[in-house]
Amino acid sequence: MSKPTTNPEDKITKISSARKLLVLALVGGAIVAIVYFFFLNKEESYITSDQLNNPKVVDEPQFIEEGQLWFLSEGQQDTLQQITIEVADDQEQRAQGMMYRSAMDELQGMLFIHDRSETQAYWMKNTKLPLDIIYVGENKEIVTIYQGVMPYSKKSIPSSSEALYVVEVNAGFTGRHKIEEGDFIEFEVFN
């Protein structure tokens, strides 16, 4: 019996066919990827050069001046500091809070007004800035202060007693302005 002979040209043809299939598969995959990313993937957001140069433009909530708040000494005789506030007085606004913001001026803050006085607890999920969190009772006395709360933490940060109001300011604000538990707040919300 004779040994079958392999024609070298047949081998080259088989290799060429395999390479052609591989190239065809790669080109087809590239076309599918291009169509998906440029035409079908509408949820993808593209950052413009203006947004790269000014990162605050990228879907970041901007501070809205809605009132003024005063921190008052324990005897309510002296104003320790005055700030401009944004107000969160409904469930949706309180849930959003300071999330996704990358900056806040020193004399700005957010005032949360709750529906009833009770033990409150906040967290820092999706919050980029370290903050001081100030819990305030119904009589506007500061009952609990947390200084320098770390961004993105999901740890619950509870008030030590019932609170109706919560004020969030930049981390270190209460120390820099000598604001302590037992001091008071007063505020005016613009209409």
N, C-alpha and C. Protein backbone atom coordinates (compact mmCIF):
# COMPACT_ATOMS: atom_id res chain seq x y z
N MET A 1 0.83 -1.16 0.00
CA MET A 1 0.00 0.00 0.00
C MET A 1 0.88 1.23 0.00
N SER A 2 0.47 2.14 -0.77
CA SER A 2 1.31 3.32 -0.86
C SER A 2 0.80 4.38 0.11
N LYS A 3 1.70 5.14 0.57
CA LYS A 3 1.42 6.22 1.53
C LYS A 3 0.76 7.37 0.78
N PRO A 4 -0.38 7.91 1.33
CA PRO A 4 -1.00 9.02 0.63
C PRO A 4 -0.05 10.22 0.63
N THR A 5 0.00 10.86 -0.42
CA THR A 5 0.88 12.02 -0.54
C THR A 5 0.07 13.29 -0.27
N THR A 6 0.71 14.16 0.40
CA THR A 6 0.08 15.44 0.70
C THR A 6 0.63 16.44 -0.27
N ASN A 7 -0.28 17.09 -0.90
CA ASN A 7 0.11 18.11 -1.86
C ASN A 7 0.37 19.40 -1.07
N PRO A 8 1.56 19.99 -1.16
CA PRO A 8 1.87 21.22 -0.44
C PRO A 8 0.91 22.35 -0.79
N GLU A 9 0.39 22.35 -1.98
CA GLU A 9 -0.55 23.41 -2.37
C GLU A 9 -1.87 23.29 -1.60
N ASP A 10 -2.30 22.04 -1.31
CA ASP A 10 -3.52 21.83 -0.52
C ASP A 10 -3.34 22.40 0.89
N LYS A 11 -2.16 22.20 1.48
CA LYS A 11 -1.86 22.70 2.81
C LYS A 11 -1.90 24.23 2.81
N ILE A 12 -1.32 24.85 1.82
CA ILE A 12 -1.32 26.32 1.72
C ILE A 12 -2.74 26.82 1.56
N THR A 13 -3.55 26.13 0.78
CA THR A 13 -4.94 26.54 0.58
C THR A 13 -5.71 26.48 1.88
N LYS A 14 -5.50 25.42 2.69
CA LYS A 14 -6.18 25.28 3.98
C LYS A 14 -5.78 26.41 4.93
N ILE A 15 -4.48 26.73 4.98
CA ILE A 15 -4.00 27.81 5.84
C ILE A 15 -4.57 29.14 5.37
N SER A 16 -4.59 29.37 4.08
CA SER A 16 -5.12 30.62 3.55
C SER A 16 -6.60 30.75 3.89
N SER A 17 -7.35 29.66 3.82
CA SER A 17 -8.78 29.71 4.15
C SER A 17 -8.98 30.04 5.62
N ALA A 18 -8.18 29.46 6.50
CA ALA A 18 -8.28 29.74 7.93
C ALA A 18 -7.96 31.20 8.22
N ARG A 19 -6.93 31.72 7.56
CA ARG A 19 -6.57 33.14 7.76
C ARG A 19 -7.68 34.04 7.25
N LYS A 20 -8.25 33.70 6.13
CA LYS A 20 -9.35 34.51 5.59
C LYS A 20 -10.53 34.54 6.56
N LEU A 21 -10.86 33.38 7.14
CA LEU A 21 -11.96 33.33 8.11
C LEU A 21 -11.64 34.17 9.36
N LEU A 22 -10.41 34.09 9.82
CA LEU A 22 -9.99 34.87 10.98
C LEU A 22 -10.09 36.37 10.70
N VAL A 23 -9.57 36.79 9.56
CA VAL A 23 -9.63 38.21 9.18
C VAL A 23 -11.08 38.65 9.04
N LEU A 24 -11.89 37.82 8.42
CA LEU A 24 -13.31 38.14 8.24
C LEU A 24 -14.00 38.28 9.59
N ALA A 25 -13.70 37.38 10.52
CA ALA A 25 -14.30 37.45 11.87
C ALA A 25 -13.86 38.72 12.59
N LEU A 26 -12.59 39.08 12.50
CA LEU A 26 -12.10 40.30 13.16
C LEU A 26 -12.72 41.55 12.57
N VAL A 27 -12.82 41.62 11.24
CA VAL A 27 -13.43 42.78 10.59
C VAL A 27 -14.90 42.86 10.96
N GLY A 28 -15.59 41.73 10.95
CA GLY A 28 -17.01 41.71 11.33
C GLY A 28 -17.21 42.16 12.76
N GLY A 29 -16.36 41.70 13.68
CA GLY A 29 -16.44 42.12 15.08
C GLY A 29 -16.21 43.61 15.24
N ALA A 30 -15.25 44.14 14.50
CA ALA A 30 -14.97 45.57 14.57
C ALA A 30 -16.16 46.38 14.07
N ILE A 31 -16.80 45.92 13.01
CA ILE A 31 -17.97 46.63 12.48
C ILE A 31 -19.10 46.60 13.49
N VAL A 32 -19.35 45.46 14.12
CA VAL A 32 -20.41 45.36 15.14
C VAL A 32 -20.11 46.32 16.30
N ALA A 33 -18.86 46.36 16.76
CA ALA A 33 -18.48 47.26 17.86
C ALA A 33 -18.69 48.72 17.49
N ILE A 34 -18.31 49.10 16.29
CA ILE A 34 -18.48 50.49 15.84
C ILE A 34 -19.96 50.85 15.77
N VAL A 35 -20.77 49.98 15.20
CA VAL A 35 -22.20 50.25 15.11
C VAL A 35 -22.80 50.38 16.49
N TYR A 36 -22.43 49.50 17.42
CA TYR A 36 -22.97 49.56 18.77
C TYR A 36 -22.60 50.87 19.47
N PHE A 37 -21.32 51.19 19.49
CA PHE A 37 -20.87 52.35 20.26
C PHE A 37 -21.31 53.68 19.66
N PHE A 38 -21.46 53.76 18.37
CA PHE A 38 -21.80 55.05 17.77
C PHE A 38 -23.27 55.21 17.43
N PHE A 39 -24.00 54.11 17.30
CA PHE A 39 -25.39 54.25 16.85
C PHE A 39 -26.40 53.64 17.81
N LEU A 40 -26.09 52.53 18.45
CA LEU A 40 -27.08 51.85 19.27
C LEU A 40 -26.98 52.19 20.74
N ASN A 41 -25.83 52.55 21.23
CA ASN A 41 -25.61 52.81 22.65
C ASN A 41 -25.92 54.26 22.97
N LYS A 42 -27.21 54.61 23.02
CA LYS A 42 -27.63 56.00 23.23
C LYS A 42 -27.41 56.47 24.66
N GLU A 43 -27.29 55.56 25.63
CA GLU A 43 -27.09 55.96 27.02
C GLU A 43 -25.68 56.47 27.27
N GLU A 44 -24.77 56.14 26.41
CA GLU A 44 -23.38 56.56 26.56
C GLU A 44 -23.31 58.07 26.42
N SER A 45 -22.69 58.76 27.37
CA SER A 45 -22.56 60.20 27.24
C SER A 45 -21.11 60.52 26.86
N TYR A 46 -20.96 61.44 25.96
CA TYR A 46 -19.65 61.82 25.49
C TYR A 46 -19.27 63.15 26.12
N ILE A 47 -18.05 63.27 26.60
CA ILE A 47 -17.59 64.48 27.26
C ILE A 47 -16.96 65.39 26.22
N THR A 48 -17.43 66.63 26.21
CA THR A 48 -16.88 67.60 25.27
C THR A 48 -15.57 68.15 25.82
N SER A 49 -14.81 68.83 24.96
CA SER A 49 -13.55 69.42 25.42
C SER A 49 -13.82 70.50 26.46
N ASP A 50 -14.96 71.20 26.35
CA ASP A 50 -15.32 72.22 27.34
C ASP A 50 -15.54 71.57 28.70
N GLN A 51 -16.18 70.40 28.73
CA GLN A 51 -16.42 69.71 29.98
C GLN A 51 -15.12 69.18 30.59
N LEU A 52 -14.18 68.76 29.75
CA LEU A 52 -12.89 68.32 30.27
C LEU A 52 -12.15 69.46 30.93
N ASN A 53 -12.25 70.67 30.37
CA ASN A 53 -11.57 71.83 30.94
C ASN A 53 -12.30 72.40 32.14
N ASN A 54 -13.61 72.11 32.27
CA ASN A 54 -14.40 72.60 33.38
C ASN A 54 -15.24 71.44 33.92
N PRO A 55 -14.67 70.61 34.81
CA PRO A 55 -15.34 69.40 35.25
C PRO A 55 -16.68 69.63 35.94
N LYS A 56 -16.95 70.83 36.47
CA LYS A 56 -18.22 71.08 37.14
C LYS A 56 -19.40 71.00 36.16
N VAL A 57 -19.13 71.09 34.85
CA VAL A 57 -20.18 71.07 33.84
C VAL A 57 -20.79 69.67 33.71
N VAL A 58 -20.05 68.62 34.07
CA VAL A 58 -20.48 67.24 33.84
C VAL A 58 -21.52 66.82 34.87
N ASP A 59 -22.80 67.00 34.57
CA ASP A 59 -23.92 66.52 35.37
C ASP A 59 -23.77 66.73 36.87
N GLU A 60 -23.17 67.81 37.29
CA GLU A 60 -22.98 68.07 38.71
C GLU A 60 -24.02 69.09 39.17
N PRO A 61 -24.78 68.77 40.23
CA PRO A 61 -25.74 69.75 40.73
C PRO A 61 -25.01 71.04 41.14
N GLN A 62 -25.59 72.15 40.79
CA GLN A 62 -25.00 73.44 41.13
C GLN A 62 -25.70 74.02 42.36
N PHE A 63 -24.96 74.76 43.18
CA PHE A 63 -25.50 75.37 44.39
C PHE A 63 -26.57 76.38 44.01
N ILE A 64 -27.71 76.30 44.69
CA ILE A 64 -28.81 77.24 44.49
C ILE A 64 -29.01 78.02 45.79
N GLU A 65 -28.79 79.32 45.74
CA GLU A 65 -28.94 80.16 46.94
C GLU A 65 -30.42 80.32 47.26
N GLU A 66 -30.84 79.72 48.39
CA GLU A 66 -32.26 79.74 48.76
C GLU A 66 -32.50 80.37 50.12
N GLY A 67 -31.45 80.84 50.78
CA GLY A 67 -31.64 81.46 52.08
C GLY A 67 -30.32 81.74 52.78
N GLN A 68 -30.44 82.20 54.02
CA GLN A 68 -29.30 82.51 54.87
C GLN A 68 -29.46 81.75 56.19
N LEU A 69 -28.33 81.36 56.78
CA LEU A 69 -28.35 80.68 58.07
C LEU A 69 -27.27 81.29 58.95
N TRP A 70 -27.60 81.47 60.21
CA TRP A 70 -26.67 82.02 61.19
C TRP A 70 -26.40 80.99 62.26
N PHE A 71 -25.13 80.83 62.61
CA PHE A 71 -24.74 80.03 63.76
C PHE A 71 -24.58 80.99 64.92
N LEU A 72 -25.28 80.72 66.02
CA LEU A 72 -25.30 81.61 67.18
C LEU A 72 -24.67 80.92 68.38
N SER A 73 -23.99 81.70 69.22
CA SER A 73 -23.36 81.15 70.43
C SER A 73 -24.42 80.56 71.34
N GLU A 74 -23.96 79.78 72.32
CA GLU A 74 -24.87 79.08 73.23
C GLU A 74 -25.92 80.01 73.84
N GLY A 75 -25.55 81.18 74.21
CA GLY A 75 -26.49 82.13 74.79
C GLY A 75 -27.27 82.90 73.73
N GLN A 76 -27.05 82.61 72.49
CA GLN A 76 -27.68 83.24 71.33
C GLN A 76 -27.42 84.74 71.28
N GLN A 77 -26.32 85.15 71.91
CA GLN A 77 -25.95 86.56 71.94
C GLN A 77 -25.09 86.96 70.73
N ASP A 78 -24.20 86.06 70.34
CA ASP A 78 -23.23 86.38 69.31
C ASP A 78 -23.42 85.51 68.07
N THR A 79 -23.24 86.14 66.90
CA THR A 79 -23.24 85.37 65.65
C THR A 79 -21.83 84.84 65.45
N LEU A 80 -21.72 83.51 65.37
CA LEU A 80 -20.42 82.88 65.16
C LEU A 80 -20.04 82.90 63.68
N GLN A 81 -21.04 82.70 62.81
CA GLN A 81 -20.81 82.72 61.38
C GLN A 81 -22.16 82.75 60.66
N GLN A 82 -22.17 83.37 59.50
CA GLN A 82 -23.36 83.39 58.63
C GLN A 82 -22.99 82.69 57.32
N ILE A 83 -23.92 81.88 56.79
CA ILE A 83 -23.68 81.20 55.51
C ILE A 83 -24.91 81.34 54.61
N THR A 84 -24.68 81.15 53.32
CA THR A 84 -25.75 81.05 52.34
C THR A 84 -26.14 79.58 52.26
N ILE A 85 -27.44 79.30 52.19
CA ILE A 85 -27.87 77.91 52.19
C ILE A 85 -28.70 77.54 50.97
N GLU A 86 -28.59 76.26 50.62
CA GLU A 86 -29.53 75.61 49.72
C GLU A 86 -30.41 74.77 50.64
N VAL A 87 -31.69 74.70 50.34
CA VAL A 87 -32.65 74.05 51.24
C VAL A 87 -33.14 72.74 50.63
N ALA A 88 -33.14 71.69 51.45
CA ALA A 88 -33.71 70.39 51.06
C ALA A 88 -34.86 70.13 52.03
N ASP A 89 -36.09 70.37 51.57
CA ASP A 89 -37.23 70.27 52.48
C ASP A 89 -38.30 69.27 52.04
N ASP A 90 -37.97 68.44 51.03
CA ASP A 90 -38.88 67.34 50.69
C ASP A 90 -38.05 66.06 50.55
N GLN A 91 -38.72 64.92 50.47
CA GLN A 91 -38.03 63.63 50.47
C GLN A 91 -37.01 63.51 49.34
N GLU A 92 -37.39 63.95 48.14
CA GLU A 92 -36.48 63.84 46.99
C GLU A 92 -35.24 64.71 47.18
N GLN A 93 -35.42 65.95 47.64
CA GLN A 93 -34.28 66.84 47.85
C GLN A 93 -33.38 66.33 48.97
N ARG A 94 -33.99 65.81 50.05
CA ARG A 94 -33.18 65.28 51.16
C ARG A 94 -32.39 64.05 50.71
N ALA A 95 -33.00 63.20 49.87
CA ALA A 95 -32.30 62.01 49.37
C ALA A 95 -31.12 62.40 48.49
N GLN A 96 -31.28 63.42 47.68
CA GLN A 96 -30.20 63.89 46.79
C GLN A 96 -29.09 64.56 47.59
N GLY A 97 -29.48 65.46 48.49
CA GLY A 97 -28.51 66.13 49.35
C GLY A 97 -27.31 66.69 48.62
N MET A 98 -26.14 66.38 49.13
CA MET A 98 -24.88 66.90 48.57
C MET A 98 -24.22 65.91 47.61
N MET A 99 -24.95 64.88 47.20
CA MET A 99 -24.35 63.87 46.32
C MET A 99 -23.89 64.48 45.00
N TYR A 100 -22.79 63.94 44.50
CA TYR A 100 -22.22 64.25 43.18
C TYR A 100 -21.60 65.64 43.05
N ARG A 101 -21.50 66.38 44.13
CA ARG A 101 -20.89 67.72 44.06
C ARG A 101 -19.41 67.61 44.41
N SER A 102 -18.59 68.30 43.65
CA SER A 102 -17.15 68.20 43.90
C SER A 102 -16.59 69.42 44.62
N ALA A 103 -17.42 70.45 44.83
CA ALA A 103 -16.93 71.64 45.53
C ALA A 103 -18.09 72.41 46.15
N MET A 104 -17.77 73.11 47.23
CA MET A 104 -18.72 74.01 47.86
C MET A 104 -17.91 75.13 48.50
N ASP A 105 -18.34 76.36 48.34
CA ASP A 105 -17.62 77.49 48.93
C ASP A 105 -17.66 77.41 50.46
N GLU A 106 -16.69 78.04 51.08
CA GLU A 106 -16.57 78.01 52.55
C GLU A 106 -17.83 78.52 53.24
N LEU A 107 -18.45 79.54 52.70
CA LEU A 107 -19.61 80.13 53.37
C LEU A 107 -20.92 79.70 52.71
N GLN A 108 -20.96 78.45 52.28
CA GLN A 108 -22.18 77.84 51.75
C GLN A 108 -22.45 76.57 52.53
N GLY A 109 -23.71 76.16 52.52
CA GLY A 109 -24.08 74.91 53.17
C GLY A 109 -25.45 74.49 52.71
N MET A 110 -25.86 73.31 53.16
CA MET A 110 -27.19 72.82 52.83
C MET A 110 -27.95 72.62 54.13
N LEU A 111 -29.18 73.12 54.15
CA LEU A 111 -30.07 72.95 55.30
C LEU A 111 -31.14 71.93 54.92
N PHE A 112 -31.20 70.85 55.68
CA PHE A 112 -32.23 69.83 55.50
C PHE A 112 -33.32 70.09 56.54
N ILE A 113 -34.55 70.19 56.08
CA ILE A 113 -35.68 70.39 56.99
C ILE A 113 -36.55 69.14 56.91
N HIS A 114 -36.66 68.44 58.04
CA HIS A 114 -37.43 67.19 58.08
C HIS A 114 -38.89 67.46 58.45
N ASP A 115 -39.73 66.48 58.21
CA ASP A 115 -41.16 66.61 58.48
C ASP A 115 -41.48 66.53 59.96
N ARG A 116 -40.65 65.80 60.72
CA ARG A 116 -40.88 65.70 62.16
C ARG A 116 -39.55 65.53 62.88
N SER A 117 -39.56 65.88 64.14
CA SER A 117 -38.37 65.76 64.97
C SER A 117 -38.23 64.31 65.44
N GLU A 118 -37.10 63.70 65.12
CA GLU A 118 -36.81 62.33 65.53
C GLU A 118 -35.31 62.10 65.37
N THR A 119 -34.82 60.96 65.83
CA THR A 119 -33.42 60.64 65.62
C THR A 119 -33.19 60.53 64.12
N GLN A 120 -32.25 61.28 63.60
CA GLN A 120 -31.94 61.28 62.17
C GLN A 120 -30.63 60.53 61.96
N ALA A 121 -30.44 59.98 60.77
CA ALA A 121 -29.18 59.31 60.44
C ALA A 121 -28.88 59.56 58.97
N TYR A 122 -27.69 60.03 58.70
CA TYR A 122 -27.26 60.31 57.33
C TYR A 122 -26.10 59.39 56.98
N TRP A 123 -25.77 59.34 55.69
CA TRP A 123 -24.60 58.64 55.20
C TRP A 123 -24.01 59.45 54.07
N MET A 124 -22.87 59.00 53.54
CA MET A 124 -22.13 59.78 52.55
C MET A 124 -22.08 59.09 51.19
N LYS A 125 -22.99 58.17 50.94
CA LYS A 125 -23.00 57.47 49.65
C LYS A 125 -23.06 58.50 48.52
N ASN A 126 -22.20 58.35 47.53
CA ASN A 126 -22.12 59.21 46.34
C ASN A 126 -21.81 60.67 46.68
N THR A 127 -21.32 60.93 47.87
CA THR A 127 -20.94 62.29 48.26
C THR A 127 -19.43 62.41 48.13
N LYS A 128 -18.98 63.31 47.24
CA LYS A 128 -17.56 63.45 46.91
C LYS A 128 -16.78 64.25 47.94
N LEU A 129 -17.47 65.14 48.67
CA LEU A 129 -16.79 66.07 49.58
C LEU A 129 -16.80 65.57 51.02
N PRO A 130 -15.70 65.70 51.74
CA PRO A 130 -15.79 65.47 53.18
C PRO A 130 -16.60 66.62 53.80
N LEU A 131 -17.45 66.30 54.75
CA LEU A 131 -18.36 67.29 55.31
C LEU A 131 -18.36 67.26 56.83
N ASP A 132 -18.81 68.37 57.42
CA ASP A 132 -19.26 68.39 58.81
C ASP A 132 -20.77 68.26 58.76
N ILE A 133 -21.31 67.35 59.55
CA ILE A 133 -22.77 67.16 59.61
C ILE A 133 -23.23 67.62 60.98
N ILE A 134 -24.20 68.56 60.98
CA ILE A 134 -24.66 69.20 62.20
C ILE A 134 -26.14 68.89 62.38
N TYR A 135 -26.48 68.16 63.44
CA TYR A 135 -27.88 67.83 63.74
C TYR A 135 -28.42 68.89 64.70
N VAL A 136 -29.64 69.36 64.42
CA VAL A 136 -30.21 70.48 65.16
C VAL A 136 -31.62 70.10 65.62
N GLY A 137 -31.91 70.33 66.89
CA GLY A 137 -33.22 70.01 67.46
C GLY A 137 -34.30 70.98 67.01
N GLU A 138 -35.52 70.66 67.38
CA GLU A 138 -36.69 71.47 67.02
C GLU A 138 -36.56 72.90 67.53
N ASN A 139 -35.89 73.08 68.68
CA ASN A 139 -35.70 74.43 69.25
C ASN A 139 -34.49 75.15 68.64
N LYS A 140 -33.90 74.53 67.58
CA LYS A 140 -32.77 75.08 66.81
C LYS A 140 -31.44 75.04 67.57
N GLU A 141 -31.39 74.19 68.61
CA GLU A 141 -30.13 73.97 69.31
C GLU A 141 -29.37 72.83 68.63
N ILE A 142 -28.06 73.02 68.45
CA ILE A 142 -27.22 71.99 67.85
C ILE A 142 -27.05 70.86 68.87
N VAL A 143 -27.49 69.65 68.47
CA VAL A 143 -27.44 68.52 69.40
C VAL A 143 -26.27 67.57 69.10
N THR A 144 -25.83 67.50 67.86
CA THR A 144 -24.73 66.59 67.50
C THR A 144 -23.94 67.19 66.33
N ILE A 145 -22.62 67.11 66.41
CA ILE A 145 -21.75 67.53 65.30
C ILE A 145 -20.80 66.38 64.98
N TYR A 146 -20.75 66.02 63.70
CA TYR A 146 -19.74 65.10 63.20
C TYR A 146 -18.82 65.91 62.30
N GLN A 147 -17.52 65.91 62.62
CA GLN A 147 -16.56 66.68 61.84
C GLN A 147 -15.81 65.78 60.86
N GLY A 148 -15.61 66.29 59.65
CA GLY A 148 -14.79 65.61 58.67
C GLY A 148 -15.28 64.22 58.28
N VAL A 149 -16.57 64.10 58.03
CA VAL A 149 -17.12 62.80 57.64
C VAL A 149 -16.60 62.47 56.24
N MET A 150 -16.09 61.25 56.10
CA MET A 150 -15.39 60.84 54.88
C MET A 150 -16.35 60.61 53.70
N PRO A 151 -15.95 61.01 52.50
CA PRO A 151 -16.76 60.80 51.30
C PRO A 151 -17.02 59.32 51.03
N TYR A 152 -18.13 59.06 50.36
CA TYR A 152 -18.53 57.75 49.84
C TYR A 152 -18.83 56.70 50.91
N SER A 153 -18.79 57.04 52.17
CA SER A 153 -19.05 56.06 53.22
C SER A 153 -20.54 55.71 53.28
N LYS A 154 -20.82 54.43 53.45
CA LYS A 154 -22.20 53.98 53.61
C LYS A 154 -22.53 53.76 55.09
N LYS A 155 -21.61 54.14 55.96
CA LYS A 155 -21.81 54.00 57.40
C LYS A 155 -22.86 55.01 57.87
N SER A 156 -23.80 54.55 58.68
CA SER A 156 -24.84 55.42 59.23
C SER A 156 -24.24 56.37 60.25
N ILE A 157 -24.63 57.64 60.16
CA ILE A 157 -24.11 58.68 61.04
C ILE A 157 -25.32 59.27 61.78
N PRO A 158 -25.66 58.74 62.96
CA PRO A 158 -26.90 59.14 63.64
C PRO A 158 -26.75 60.36 64.54
N SER A 159 -27.87 61.04 64.75
CA SER A 159 -27.90 62.12 65.74
C SER A 159 -27.96 61.49 67.13
N SER A 160 -27.46 62.22 68.12
CA SER A 160 -27.46 61.70 69.50
C SER A 160 -28.82 61.85 70.16
N SER A 161 -29.67 62.71 69.60
CA SER A 161 -31.04 62.87 70.10
C SER A 161 -31.90 63.35 68.93
N GLU A 162 -33.15 63.64 69.21
CA GLU A 162 -34.06 64.03 68.14
C GLU A 162 -33.60 65.31 67.45
N ALA A 163 -33.76 65.33 66.14
CA ALA A 163 -33.38 66.50 65.33
C ALA A 163 -34.46 66.75 64.29
N LEU A 164 -34.73 68.00 64.04
CA LEU A 164 -35.66 68.40 62.99
C LEU A 164 -34.90 68.94 61.78
N TYR A 165 -33.70 69.47 62.05
CA TYR A 165 -32.88 70.09 61.01
C TYR A 165 -31.50 69.42 60.96
N VAL A 166 -30.91 69.46 59.79
CA VAL A 166 -29.53 69.02 59.62
C VAL A 166 -28.85 70.04 58.71
N VAL A 167 -27.64 70.42 59.07
CA VAL A 167 -26.86 71.36 58.25
C VAL A 167 -25.59 70.64 57.83
N GLU A 168 -25.27 70.71 56.53
CA GLU A 168 -24.01 70.16 56.03
C GLU A 168 -23.16 71.30 55.48
N VAL A 169 -21.91 71.33 55.94
CA VAL A 169 -20.94 72.33 55.51
C VAL A 169 -19.63 71.61 55.21
N ASN A 170 -18.67 72.32 54.64
CA ASN A 170 -17.37 71.73 54.35
C ASN A 170 -16.72 71.18 55.61
N ALA A 171 -15.96 70.10 55.44
CA ALA A 171 -15.24 69.50 56.56
C ALA A 171 -14.34 70.54 57.23
N GLY A 172 -14.37 70.56 58.55
CA GLY A 172 -13.55 71.48 59.32
C GLY A 172 -14.19 72.82 59.59
N PHE A 173 -15.34 73.09 58.97
CA PHE A 173 -16.02 74.38 59.12
C PHE A 173 -16.34 74.67 60.58
N THR A 174 -16.91 73.67 61.29
CA THR A 174 -17.32 73.91 62.68
C THR A 174 -16.12 74.22 63.56
N GLY A 175 -15.00 73.55 63.32
CA GLY A 175 -13.79 73.84 64.09
C GLY A 175 -13.23 75.21 63.77
N ARG A 176 -13.20 75.56 62.50
CA ARG A 176 -12.64 76.87 62.09
C ARG A 176 -13.46 78.04 62.65
N HIS A 177 -14.76 77.83 62.83
CA HIS A 177 -15.63 78.92 63.28
C HIS A 177 -16.13 78.72 64.71
N LYS A 178 -15.51 77.77 65.42
CA LYS A 178 -15.78 77.53 66.84
C LYS A 178 -17.27 77.28 67.12
N ILE A 179 -17.87 76.47 66.26
CA ILE A 179 -19.28 76.09 66.43
C ILE A 179 -19.31 74.77 67.18
N GLU A 180 -20.10 74.71 68.25
CA GLU A 180 -20.10 73.53 69.12
C GLU A 180 -21.52 73.07 69.42
N GLU A 181 -21.63 71.85 69.92
CA GLU A 181 -22.92 71.36 70.40
C GLU A 181 -23.37 72.28 71.52
N GLY A 182 -24.65 72.62 71.55
CA GLY A 182 -25.17 73.58 72.53
C GLY A 182 -25.34 74.97 71.92
N ASP A 183 -24.66 75.25 70.79
CA ASP A 183 -24.90 76.49 70.07
C ASP A 183 -26.22 76.36 69.33
N PHE A 184 -26.63 77.42 68.66
CA PHE A 184 -27.94 77.45 67.98
C PHE A 184 -27.78 77.87 66.52
N ILE A 185 -28.84 77.65 65.77
CA ILE A 185 -28.92 78.20 64.41
C ILE A 185 -30.18 79.05 64.31
N GLU A 186 -30.18 79.92 63.35
CA GLU A 186 -31.37 80.68 62.93
C GLU A 186 -31.25 80.77 61.43
N PHE A 187 -32.37 80.74 60.74
CA PHE A 187 -32.29 80.79 59.27
C PHE A 187 -33.49 81.54 58.69
N GLU A 188 -33.28 82.00 57.46
CA GLU A 188 -34.33 82.63 56.68
C GLU A 188 -34.29 81.99 55.30
N VAL A 189 -35.43 81.48 54.86
CA VAL A 189 -35.55 80.89 53.53
C VAL A 189 -36.22 81.91 52.63
N PHE A 190 -35.60 82.19 51.48
CA PHE A 190 -36.18 83.15 50.53
C PHE A 190 -37.40 82.52 49.86
N ASN A 191 -38.38 83.33 49.55
CA ASN A 191 -39.57 82.83 48.84
C ASN A 191 -39.45 83.03 47.36
